[in-house]
């Protein structure tokens, strides 16, 4: 088995062990505008997109979040404890 196949296999096994509450917990602990990027690629009008993004994300309030770098495998391990 090559490395890419192994990584994909481990990812698919890991993702099967994550539930909706895990996603909510990850969002609450690690997601904030202060550590997020929005990337828009395509033939778009800058002013229009900037206005839409501001409208859509203006209610996303900044908060303190963990600066710890965490992997999917670590989330799975914590869940199993």
Protein backbone atom coordinates (compact mmCIF):
# COMPACT_ATOMS: atom_id res chain seq x y z
CA UNK A 1 0.00 0.00 0.00
CA UNK A 2 1.47 3.35 -0.98
CA UNK A 3 1.57 6.32 1.39
CA UNK A 4 -1.32 8.19 -0.25
CA UNK A 5 -3.59 5.15 0.00
CA UNK A 6 -2.60 4.67 3.65
CA UNK A 7 -3.30 8.32 4.50
CA UNK A 8 -6.68 8.20 2.73
CA UNK A 9 -7.57 4.97 4.51
CA UNK A 10 -6.70 6.43 7.93
CA UNK A 11 -8.61 9.62 7.14
CA UNK A 12 -11.75 7.71 6.14
CA UNK A 13 -11.58 5.55 9.28
CA UNK A 14 -11.12 8.67 11.41
CA UNK A 15 -13.92 10.63 9.81
CA UNK A 16 -16.35 7.79 10.50
CA UNK A 17 -15.69 8.28 14.23
CA UNK A 18 -16.57 11.97 14.30
CA UNK A 19 -20.12 13.00 15.10
CA UNK A 20 -21.98 16.31 14.97
CA UNK A 21 -21.12 17.15 18.58
CA UNK A 22 -17.41 16.78 17.75
CA UNK A 23 -17.85 19.36 14.99
CA UNK A 24 -19.62 21.73 17.38
CA UNK A 25 -16.92 21.27 20.02
CA UNK A 26 -14.18 21.89 17.46
CA UNK A 27 -15.91 25.06 16.29
CA UNK A 28 -16.38 26.33 19.85
CA UNK A 29 -12.79 25.60 20.86
CA UNK A 30 -10.81 26.48 17.74
CA UNK A 31 -12.83 28.73 15.39
CA UNK A 32 -12.83 32.50 15.54
CA UNK A 33 -12.47 35.31 13.02
CA UNK A 34 -9.07 36.01 14.57
CA UNK A 35 -7.71 32.71 13.23
CA UNK A 36 -9.76 32.24 10.05
CA UNK A 37 -9.28 33.08 6.40
CA UNK A 38 -11.85 33.48 3.67
CA UNK A 39 -10.52 32.73 0.21
CA UNK A 40 -12.51 33.60 -2.88
CA UNK A 41 -11.25 32.56 -6.28
CA UNK A 42 -12.86 33.37 -9.58
CA UNK A 43 -13.99 36.07 -11.89
CA UNK A 44 -15.68 38.24 -9.27
CA UNK A 45 -16.15 41.91 -8.58
CA UNK A 46 -14.08 42.79 -5.52
CA UNK A 47 -16.48 45.42 -4.14
CA UNK A 48 -19.53 43.17 -4.54
CA UNK A 49 -17.85 40.17 -2.90
CA UNK A 50 -16.44 42.28 -0.08
CA UNK A 51 -19.93 43.63 0.64
CA UNK A 52 -21.48 40.14 0.61
CA UNK A 53 -18.77 38.68 2.84
CA UNK A 54 -19.14 41.55 5.30
CA UNK A 55 -22.91 41.02 5.37
CA UNK A 56 -22.62 37.26 5.86
CA UNK A 57 -19.88 37.27 8.49
CA UNK A 58 -20.48 40.54 10.36
CA UNK A 59 -22.25 38.67 13.17
CA UNK A 60 -19.32 36.31 13.74
CA UNK A 61 -17.88 37.73 16.94
CA UNK A 62 -14.26 37.23 17.84
CA UNK A 63 -13.48 35.14 20.91
CA UNK A 64 -10.47 33.63 22.55
CA UNK A 65 -9.76 30.18 21.22
CA UNK A 66 -7.09 27.61 21.78
CA UNK A 67 -3.92 28.28 19.83
CA UNK A 68 -2.97 24.63 20.14
CA UNK A 69 -2.43 22.90 16.82
CA UNK A 70 -4.54 19.77 16.79
CA UNK A 71 -4.92 17.01 14.25
CA UNK A 72 -7.88 14.90 13.32
CA UNK A 73 -6.16 11.90 14.91
CA UNK A 74 -5.84 13.76 18.21
CA UNK A 75 -9.55 14.58 18.20
CA UNK A 76 -10.34 10.89 17.72
CA UNK A 77 -7.97 9.91 20.52
CA UNK A 78 -9.54 12.43 22.92
CA UNK A 79 -13.00 11.17 22.06
CA UNK A 80 -12.02 7.57 22.79
CA UNK A 81 -10.77 8.40 26.31
